[in-house]
């Protein structure tokens, strides 16, 4: 009895666990899921709602993580207030 390689792979995957994207129609095109950033920087950025890339360059410039997140948050709030003022003045 001759079996197809895909059948054998499917049985092995069922027994030992399938790699990510194995059962999808486009398994070759399936991108691995981006892992959550559970670092201190990632969690602070997520909690404050700021971009981690914005915070990273501030840390690279010499700020500690907390100061960098606070500065990015202050800039975000300032930009939001400026946009709201411009929108209000434009009406």
PDB file of N, CA and C in Angstrom:
ATOM      1  N   UNK A   1       0.850  -1.176   0.000  1.00  0.00           N
ATOM      2  CA  UNK A   1       0.000   0.000   0.000  1.00  0.00           C
ATOM      3  C   UNK A   1       0.896   1.239   0.000  1.00  0.00           C
ATOM      4  N   UNK A   2       0.739   2.052  -1.004  1.00  0.00           N
ATOM      5  CA  UNK A   2       1.552   3.261  -1.140  1.00  0.00           C
ATOM      6  C   UNK A   2       0.749   4.469  -0.651  1.00  0.00           C
ATOM      7  N   UNK A   3       1.346   5.222   0.290  1.00  0.00           N
ATOM      8  CA  UNK A   3       0.657   6.398   0.810  1.00  0.00           C
ATOM      9  C   UNK A   3       1.348   7.657   0.319  1.00  0.00           C
ATOM     10  N   UNK A   4       0.580   8.694   0.185  1.00  0.00           N
ATOM     11  CA  UNK A   4       1.124   9.976  -0.254  1.00  0.00           C
ATOM     12  C   UNK A   4       1.906  10.625   0.888  1.00  0.00           C
ATOM     13  N   UNK A   5       2.963  11.353   0.563  1.00  0.00           N
ATOM     14  CA  UNK A   5       3.742  12.022   1.625  1.00  0.00           C
ATOM     15  C   UNK A   5       2.920  12.990   2.468  1.00  0.00           C
ATOM     16  N   UNK A   6       1.929  13.640   1.858  1.00  0.00           N
ATOM     17  CA  UNK A   6       1.123  14.586   2.627  1.00  0.00           C
ATOM     18  C   UNK A   6       0.287  13.873   3.675  1.00  0.00           C
ATOM     19  N   UNK A   7      -0.176  12.673   3.366  1.00  0.00           N
ATOM     20  CA  UNK A   7      -0.949  11.899   4.332  1.00  0.00           C
ATOM     21  C   UNK A   7      -0.063  11.503   5.502  1.00  0.00           C
ATOM     22  N   UNK A   8       1.145  11.073   5.195  1.00  0.00           N
ATOM     23  CA  UNK A   8       2.083  10.690   6.242  1.00  0.00           C
ATOM     24  C   UNK A   8       2.416  11.896   7.112  1.00  0.00           C
ATOM     25  N   UNK A   9       2.651  13.056   6.481  1.00  0.00           N
ATOM     26  CA  UNK A   9       2.954  14.271   7.234  1.00  0.00           C
ATOM     27  C   UNK A   9       1.779  14.688   8.117  1.00  0.00           C
ATOM     28  N   UNK A  10       0.561  14.532   7.595  1.00  0.00           N
ATOM     29  CA  UNK A  10      -0.618  14.906   8.369  1.00  0.00           C
ATOM     30  C   UNK A  10      -0.759  14.021   9.606  1.00  0.00           C
ATOM     31  N   UNK A  11      -0.485  12.736   9.455  1.00  0.00           N
ATOM     32  CA  UNK A  11      -0.569  11.821  10.589  1.00  0.00           C
ATOM     33  C   UNK A  11       0.511  12.157  11.611  1.00  0.00           C
ATOM     34  N   UNK A  12       1.733  12.395  11.145  1.00  0.00           N
ATOM     35  CA  UNK A  12       2.815  12.760  12.055  1.00  0.00           C
ATOM     36  C   UNK A  12       2.525  14.078  12.768  1.00  0.00           C
ATOM     37  N   UNK A  13       1.960  15.029  12.025  1.00  0.00           N
ATOM     38  CA  UNK A  13       1.623  16.325  12.628  1.00  0.00           C
ATOM     39  C   UNK A  13       0.546  16.166  13.690  1.00  0.00           C
ATOM     40  N   UNK A  14      -0.405  15.277  13.446  1.00  0.00           N
ATOM     41  CA  UNK A  14      -1.457  15.038  14.426  1.00  0.00           C
ATOM     42  C   UNK A  14      -0.890  14.402  15.693  1.00  0.00           C
ATOM     43  N   UNK A  15       0.105  13.531  15.524  1.00  0.00           N
ATOM     44  CA  UNK A  15       0.689  12.856  16.676  1.00  0.00           C
ATOM     45  C   UNK A  15       1.641  13.743  17.467  1.00  0.00           C
ATOM     46  N   UNK A  16       2.473  14.497  16.760  1.00  0.00           N
ATOM     47  CA  UNK A  16       3.537  15.248  17.418  1.00  0.00           C
ATOM     48  C   UNK A  16       3.312  16.752  17.465  1.00  0.00           C
ATOM     49  N   UNK A  17       2.236  17.218  16.921  1.00  0.00           N
ATOM     50  CA  UNK A  17       1.971  18.656  16.908  1.00  0.00           C
ATOM     51  C   UNK A  17       2.425  19.268  15.599  1.00  0.00           C
ATOM     52  N   UNK A  18       1.573  20.057  15.024  1.00  0.00           N
ATOM     53  CA  UNK A  18       1.861  20.663  13.726  1.00  0.00           C
ATOM     54  C   UNK A  18       2.581  21.988  13.910  1.00  0.00           C
ATOM     55  N   UNK A  19       3.516  22.319  13.027  1.00  0.00           N
ATOM     56  CA  UNK A  19       4.141  23.639  13.074  1.00  0.00           C
ATOM     57  C   UNK A  19       3.135  24.717  12.676  1.00  0.00           C
ATOM     58  N   UNK A  20       3.440  25.946  12.995  1.00  0.00           N
ATOM     59  CA  UNK A  20       2.534  27.057  12.689  1.00  0.00           C
ATOM     60  C   UNK A  20       2.267  27.124  11.191  1.00  0.00           C
ATOM     61  N   UNK A  21       1.021  27.254  10.816  1.00  0.00           N
ATOM     62  CA  UNK A  21       0.645  27.393   9.416  1.00  0.00           C
ATOM     63  C   UNK A  21       0.533  26.091   8.669  1.00  0.00           C
ATOM     64  N   UNK A  22       0.702  24.952   9.326  1.00  0.00           N
ATOM     65  CA  UNK A  22       0.705  23.669   8.630  1.00  0.00           C
ATOM     66  C   UNK A  22      -0.649  23.342   8.042  1.00  0.00           C
ATOM     67  N   UNK A  23      -1.709  23.625   8.759  1.00  0.00           N
ATOM     68  CA  UNK A  23      -3.046  23.234   8.308  1.00  0.00           C
ATOM     69  C   UNK A  23      -3.750  24.302   7.489  1.00  0.00           C
ATOM     70  N   UNK A  24      -3.113  25.414   7.222  1.00  0.00           N
ATOM     71  CA  UNK A  24      -3.762  26.463   6.446  1.00  0.00           C
ATOM     72  C   UNK A  24      -3.658  26.170   4.958  1.00  0.00           C
ATOM     73  N   UNK A  25      -4.526  26.763   4.192  1.00  0.00           N
ATOM     74  CA  UNK A  25      -4.506  26.547   2.755  1.00  0.00           C
ATOM     75  C   UNK A  25      -3.228  27.088   2.137  1.00  0.00           C
ATOM     76  N   UNK A  26      -2.725  28.169   2.678  1.00  0.00           N
ATOM     77  CA  UNK A  26      -1.496  28.778   2.167  1.00  0.00           C
ATOM     78  C   UNK A  26      -0.397  28.663   3.204  1.00  0.00           C
ATOM     79  N   UNK A  27      -0.045  27.439   3.546  1.00  0.00           N
ATOM     80  CA  UNK A  27       0.921  27.210   4.613  1.00  0.00           C
ATOM     81  C   UNK A  27       2.261  27.858   4.310  1.00  0.00           C
ATOM     82  N   UNK A  28       2.651  27.871   3.051  1.00  0.00           N
ATOM     83  CA  UNK A  28       3.945  28.461   2.700  1.00  0.00           C
ATOM     84  C   UNK A  28       3.918  29.976   2.869  1.00  0.00           C
ATOM     85  N   UNK A  29       2.747  30.578   2.703  1.00  0.00           N
ATOM     86  CA  UNK A  29       2.630  32.028   2.798  1.00  0.00           C
ATOM     87  C   UNK A  29       2.294  32.510   4.200  1.00  0.00           C
ATOM     88  N   UNK A  30       1.991  31.593   5.094  1.00  0.00           N
ATOM     89  CA  UNK A  30       1.579  31.989   6.442  1.00  0.00           C
ATOM     90  C   UNK A  30       2.762  32.585   7.194  1.00  0.00           C
ATOM     91  N   UNK A  31       2.578  33.798   7.647  1.00  0.00           N
ATOM     92  CA  UNK A  31       3.631  34.472   8.406  1.00  0.00           C
ATOM     93  C   UNK A  31       3.485  34.102   9.873  1.00  0.00           C
ATOM     94  N   UNK A  32       4.583  33.914  10.569  1.00  0.00           N
ATOM     95  CA  UNK A  32       4.456  33.609  11.993  1.00  0.00           C
ATOM     96  C   UNK A  32       3.850  34.785  12.742  1.00  0.00           C
ATOM     97  N   UNK A  33       3.053  34.476  13.735  1.00  0.00           N
ATOM     98  CA  UNK A  33       2.405  35.535  14.503  1.00  0.00           C
ATOM     99  C   UNK A  33       3.457  36.335  15.260  1.00  0.00           C
ATOM    100  N   UNK A  34       3.292  37.640  15.265  1.00  0.00           N
ATOM    101  CA  UNK A  34       4.235  38.506  15.965  1.00  0.00           C
ATOM    102  C   UNK A  34       4.034  38.337  17.467  1.00  0.00           C
ATOM    103  N   UNK A  35       5.125  38.063  18.144  1.00  0.00           N
ATOM    104  CA  UNK A  35       5.025  37.842  19.576  1.00  0.00           C
ATOM    105  C   UNK A  35       4.785  39.165  20.304  1.00  0.00           C
ATOM    106  N   UNK A  36       4.059  39.070  21.384  1.00  0.00           N
ATOM    107  CA  UNK A  36       3.788  40.255  22.186  1.00  0.00           C
ATOM    108  C   UNK A  36       5.072  40.703  22.880  1.00  0.00           C
ATOM    109  N   UNK A  37       5.255  42.000  22.956  1.00  0.00           N
ATOM    110  CA  UNK A  37       6.436  42.556  23.612  1.00  0.00           C
ATOM    111  C   UNK A  37       6.127  42.676  25.105  1.00  0.00           C
ATOM    112  N   UNK A  38       6.676  41.757  25.892  1.00  0.00           N
ATOM    113  CA  UNK A  38       6.415  41.746  27.329  1.00  0.00           C
ATOM    114  C   UNK A  38       7.555  42.361  28.125  1.00  0.00           C
ATOM    115  N   UNK A  39       8.413  43.112  27.454  1.00  0.00           N
ATOM    116  CA  UNK A  39       9.491  43.790  28.161  1.00  0.00           C
ATOM    117  C   UNK A  39       8.915  44.986  28.919  1.00  0.00           C
ATOM    118  N   UNK A  40       9.718  45.555  29.782  1.00  0.00           N
ATOM    119  CA  UNK A  40       9.274  46.735  30.524  1.00  0.00           C
ATOM    120  C   UNK A  40       8.902  47.849  29.557  1.00  0.00           C
ATOM    121  N   UNK A  41       9.736  48.048  28.542  1.00  0.00           N
ATOM    122  CA  UNK A  41       9.468  49.089  27.559  1.00  0.00           C
ATOM    123  C   UNK A  41       8.160  48.810  26.827  1.00  0.00           C
ATOM    124  N   UNK A  42       7.975  47.581  26.378  1.00  0.00           N
ATOM    125  CA  UNK A  42       6.768  47.228  25.646  1.00  0.00           C
ATOM    126  C   UNK A  42       5.514  47.394  26.460  1.00  0.00           C
ATOM    127  N   UNK A  43       5.562  46.963  27.708  1.00  0.00           N
ATOM    128  CA  UNK A  43       4.381  47.074  28.563  1.00  0.00           C
ATOM    129  C   UNK A  43       4.057  48.523  28.908  1.00  0.00           C
ATOM    130  N   UNK A  44       5.086  49.327  29.176  1.00  0.00           N
ATOM    131  CA  UNK A  44       4.839  50.742  29.465  1.00  0.00           C
ATOM    132  C   UNK A  44       4.267  51.457  28.245  1.00  0.00           C
ATOM    133  N   UNK A  45       4.802  51.140  27.075  1.00  0.00           N
ATOM    134  CA  UNK A  45       4.302  51.765  25.841  1.00  0.00           C
ATOM    135  C   UNK A  45       2.851  51.381  25.587  1.00  0.00           C
ATOM    136  N   UNK A  46       2.550  50.101  25.777  1.00  0.00           N
ATOM    137  CA  UNK A  46       1.183  49.636  25.561  1.00  0.00           C
ATOM    138  C   UNK A  46       0.226  50.306  26.539  1.00  0.00           C
ATOM    139  N   UNK A  47       0.627  50.402  27.798  1.00  0.00           N
ATOM    140  CA  UNK A  47      -0.221  51.029  28.813  1.00  0.00           C
ATOM    141  C   UNK A  47      -0.446  52.506  28.562  1.00  0.00           C
ATOM    142  N   UNK A  48       0.582  53.188  28.054  1.00  0.00           N
ATOM    143  CA  UNK A  48       0.465  54.623  27.799  1.00  0.00           C
ATOM    144  C   UNK A  48      -0.126  54.914  26.424  1.00  0.00           C
ATOM    145  N   UNK A  49      -0.153  53.910  25.549  1.00  0.00           N
ATOM    146  CA  UNK A  49      -0.695  54.114  24.211  1.00  0.00           C
ATOM    147  C   UNK A  49       0.246  54.865  23.290  1.00  0.00           C
ATOM    148  N   UNK A  50       1.549  54.672  23.468  1.00  0.00           N
ATOM    149  CA  UNK A  50       2.540  55.332  22.623  1.00  0.00           C
ATOM    150  C   UNK A  50       3.275  54.292  21.785  1.00  0.00           C
ATOM    151  N   UNK A  51       3.914  54.759  20.734  1.00  0.00           N
ATOM    152  CA  UNK A  51       4.639  53.891  19.817  1.00  0.00           C
ATOM    153  C   UNK A  51       5.969  53.463  20.436  1.00  0.00           C
ATOM    154  N   UNK A  52       6.234  52.150  20.511  1.00  0.00           N
ATOM    155  CA  UNK A  52       7.511  51.693  21.077  1.00  0.00           C
ATOM    156  C   UNK A  52       8.735  52.210  20.314  1.00  0.00           C
ATOM    157  N   UNK A  53       8.618  52.403  19.012  1.00  0.00           N
ATOM    158  CA  UNK A  53       9.749  52.922  18.234  1.00  0.00           C
ATOM    159  C   UNK A  53      10.089  54.344  18.671  1.00  0.00           C
ATOM    160  N   UNK A  54       9.063  55.130  18.992  1.00  0.00           N
ATOM    161  CA  UNK A  54       9.278  56.500  19.465  1.00  0.00           C
ATOM    162  C   UNK A  54      10.014  56.488  20.799  1.00  0.00           C
ATOM    163  N   UNK A  55       9.657  55.542  21.649  1.00  0.00           N
ATOM    164  CA  UNK A  55      10.297  55.451  22.962  1.00  0.00           C
ATOM    165  C   UNK A  55      11.725  54.935  22.830  1.00  0.00           C
ATOM    166  N   UNK A  56      11.935  53.982  21.908  1.00  0.00           N
ATOM    167  CA  UNK A  56      13.278  53.404  21.756  1.00  0.00           C
ATOM    168  C   UNK A  56      14.318  54.447  21.369  1.00  0.00           C
ATOM    169  N   UNK A  57      13.954  55.380  20.470  1.00  0.00           N
ATOM    170  CA  UNK A  57      14.966  56.368  20.085  1.00  0.00           C
ATOM    171  C   UNK A  57      15.241  57.334  21.237  1.00  0.00           C
ATOM    172  N   UNK A  58      14.235  57.557  22.083  1.00  0.00           N
ATOM    173  CA  UNK A  58      14.464  58.416  23.248  1.00  0.00           C
ATOM    174  C   UNK A  58      15.388  57.723  24.250  1.00  0.00           C
ATOM    175  N   UNK A  59      15.225  56.405  24.415  1.00  0.00           N
ATOM    176  CA  UNK A  59      16.111  55.641  25.292  1.00  0.00           C
ATOM    177  C   UNK A  59      17.527  55.646  24.721  1.00  0.00           C
ATOM    178  N   UNK A  60      17.631  55.497  23.397  1.00  0.00           N
ATOM    179  CA  UNK A  60      18.949  55.525  22.761  1.00  0.00           C
ATOM    180  C   UNK A  60      19.612  56.891  22.926  1.00  0.00           C
ATOM    181  N   UNK A  61      18.799  57.945  23.064  1.00  0.00           N
ATOM    182  CA  UNK A  61      19.335  59.295  23.247  1.00  0.00           C
ATOM    183  C   UNK A  61      19.772  59.550  24.686  1.00  0.00           C
ATOM    184  N   UNK A  62      19.450  58.625  25.618  1.00  0.00           N
ATOM    185  CA  UNK A  62      19.966  58.781  26.972  1.00  0.00           C
ATOM    186  C   UNK A  62      18.935  58.800  28.083  1.00  0.00           C
ATOM    187  N   UNK A  63      17.645  58.796  27.750  1.00  0.00           N
ATOM    188  CA  UNK A  63      16.624  58.773  28.799  1.00  0.00           C
ATOM    189  C   UNK A  63      16.445  57.357  29.316  1.00  0.00           C
ATOM    190  N   UNK A  64      15.970  57.236  30.559  1.00  0.00           N
ATOM    191  CA  UNK A  64      15.611  55.889  30.993  1.00  0.00           C
ATOM    192  C   UNK A  64      14.212  55.588  30.449  1.00  0.00           C
ATOM    193  N   UNK A  65      13.785  54.341  30.570  1.00  0.00           N
ATOM    194  CA  UNK A  65      12.541  53.897  29.924  1.00  0.00           C
ATOM    195  C   UNK A  65      11.342  54.699  30.406  1.00  0.00           C
ATOM    196  N   UNK A  66      11.219  54.890  31.710  1.00  0.00           N
ATOM    197  CA  UNK A  66      10.067  55.623  32.260  1.00  0.00           C
ATOM    198  C   UNK A  66      10.037  57.067  31.759  1.00  0.00           C
ATOM    199  N   UNK A  67      11.201  57.733  31.758  1.00  0.00           N
ATOM    200  CA  UNK A  67      11.266  59.116  31.259  1.00  0.00           C
ATOM    201  C   UNK A  67      10.907  59.170  29.777  1.00  0.00           C
ATOM    202  N   UNK A  68      11.379  58.198  29.007  1.00  0.00           N
ATOM    203  CA  UNK A  68      11.109  58.179  27.569  1.00  0.00           C
ATOM    204  C   UNK A  68       9.622  57.992  27.289  1.00  0.00           C
ATOM    205  N   UNK A  69       8.972  57.105  28.049  1.00  0.00           N
ATOM    206  CA  UNK A  69       7.530  56.892  27.873  1.00  0.00           C
ATOM    207  C   UNK A  69       6.765  58.151  28.262  1.00  0.00           C
ATOM    208  N   UNK A  70       7.150  58.779  29.363  1.00  0.00           N
ATOM    209  CA  UNK A  70       6.487  60.012  29.795  1.00  0.00           C
ATOM    210  C   UNK A  70       6.642  61.118  28.749  1.00  0.00           C
ATOM    211  N   UNK A  71       7.827  61.245  28.173  1.00  0.00           N
ATOM    212  CA  UNK A  71       8.065  62.268  27.156  1.00  0.00           C
ATOM    213  C   UNK A  71       7.250  61.988  25.891  1.00  0.00           C
ATOM    214  N   UNK A  72       7.182  60.731  25.486  1.00  0.00           N
ATOM    215  CA  UNK A  72       6.392  60.375  24.298  1.00  0.00           C
ATOM    216  C   UNK A  72       4.910  60.620  24.547  1.00  0.00           C
ATOM    217  N   UNK A  73       4.443  60.313  25.745  1.00  0.00           N
ATOM    218  CA  UNK A  73       3.040  60.552  26.089  1.00  0.00           C
ATOM    219  C   UNK A  73       2.729  62.039  26.107  1.00  0.00           C
ATOM    220  N   UNK A  74       3.629  62.840  26.668  1.00  0.00           N
ATOM    221  CA  UNK A  74       3.430  64.291  26.700  1.00  0.00           C
ATOM    222  C   UNK A  74       3.387  64.859  25.278  1.00  0.00           C
ATOM    223  N   UNK A  75       4.257  64.365  24.410  1.00  0.00           N
ATOM    224  CA  UNK A  75       4.256  64.836  23.025  1.00  0.00           C
ATOM    225  C   UNK A  75       2.963  64.429  22.326  1.00  0.00           C
ATOM    226  N   UNK A  76       2.499  63.204  22.566  1.00  0.00           N
ATOM    227  CA  UNK A  76       1.255  62.732  21.958  1.00  0.00           C
ATOM    228  C   UNK A  76       0.072  63.591  22.403  1.00  0.00           C
ATOM    229  N   UNK A  77       0.015  63.912  23.703  1.00  0.00           N
ATOM    230  CA  UNK A  77      -1.078  64.742  24.210  1.00  0.00           C
ATOM    231  C   UNK A  77      -0.998  66.157  23.660  1.00  0.00           C
ATOM    232  N   UNK A  78       0.216  66.687  23.529  1.00  0.00           N
ATOM    233  CA  UNK A  78       0.406  68.027  22.980  1.00  0.00           C
ATOM    234  C   UNK A  78      -0.055  68.086  21.525  1.00  0.00           C
ATOM    235  N   UNK A  79       0.302  67.043  20.760  1.00  0.00           N
ATOM    236  CA  UNK A  79      -0.113  66.999  19.358  1.00  0.00           C
ATOM    237  C   UNK A  79      -1.629  66.869  19.236  1.00  0.00           C
ATOM    238  N   UNK A  80      -2.252  66.108  20.139  1.00  0.00           N
ATOM    239  CA  UNK A  80      -3.707  65.961  20.125  1.00  0.00           C
ATOM    240  C   UNK A  80      -4.390  67.286  20.445  1.00  0.00           C
ATOM    241  N   UNK A  81      -3.851  68.036  21.406  1.00  0.00           N
ATOM    242  CA  UNK A  81      -4.415  69.334  21.752  1.00  0.00           C
ATOM    243  C   UNK A  81      -4.249  70.326  20.600  1.00  0.00           C
ATOM    244  N   UNK A  82      -3.097  70.288  19.935  1.00  0.00           N
ATOM    245  CA  UNK A  82      -2.868  71.176  18.791  1.00  0.00           C
ATOM    246  C   UNK A  82      -3.819  70.870  17.649  1.00  0.00           C
ATOM    247  N   UNK A  83      -4.036  69.578  17.415  1.00  0.00           N
ATOM    248  CA  UNK A  83      -4.955  69.181  16.346  1.00  0.00           C
ATOM    249  C   UNK A  83      -6.370  69.598  16.679  1.00  0.00           C
ATOM    250  N   UNK A  84      -6.758  69.451  17.959  1.00  0.00           N
ATOM    251  CA  UNK A  84      -8.112  69.854  18.363  1.00  0.00           C
ATOM    252  C   UNK A  84      -8.293  71.364  18.245  1.00  0.00           C
ATOM    253  N   UNK A  85      -7.252  72.127  18.606  1.00  0.00           N
ATOM    254  CA  UNK A  85      -7.326  73.580  18.499  1.00  0.00           C
ATOM    255  C   UNK A  85      -7.392  74.014  17.036  1.00  0.00           C
ATOM    256  N   UNK A  86      -6.638  73.354  16.181  1.00  0.00           N
ATOM    257  CA  UNK A  86      -6.662  73.686  14.758  1.00  0.00           C
ATOM    258  C   UNK A  86      -8.020  73.350  14.147  1.00  0.00           C
ATOM    259  N   UNK A  87      -8.594  72.230  14.578  1.00  0.00           N
ATOM    260  CA  UNK A  87      -9.903  71.835  14.074  1.00  0.00           C
ATOM    261  C   UNK A  87     -10.979  72.817  14.537  1.00  0.00           C
ATOM    262  N   UNK A  88     -10.889  73.233  15.797  1.00  0.00           N
ATOM    263  CA  UNK A  88     -11.859  74.190  16.352  1.00  0.00           C
ATOM    264  C   UNK A  88     -11.740  75.543  15.683  1.00  0.00           C
ATOM    265  N   UNK A  89     -10.512  75.975  15.431  1.00  0.00           N
ATOM    266  CA  UNK A  89     -10.299  77.259  14.788  1.00  0.00           C
ATOM    267  C   UNK A  89     -10.659  77.251  13.316  1.00  0.00           C
ATOM    268  N   UNK A  90     -10.655  76.072  12.698  1.00  0.00           N
ATOM    269  CA  UNK A  90     -10.962  75.957  11.270  1.00  0.00           C
ATOM    270  C   UNK A  90     -12.436  75.981  10.951  1.00  0.00           C
ATOM    271  N   UNK A  91     -13.303  75.836  11.956  1.00  0.00           N
ATOM    272  CA  UNK A  91     -14.749  75.823  11.713  1.00  0.00           C
ATOM    273  C   UNK A  91     -15.308  77.197  11.546  1.00  0.00           C
TER     274      UNK A  91
END
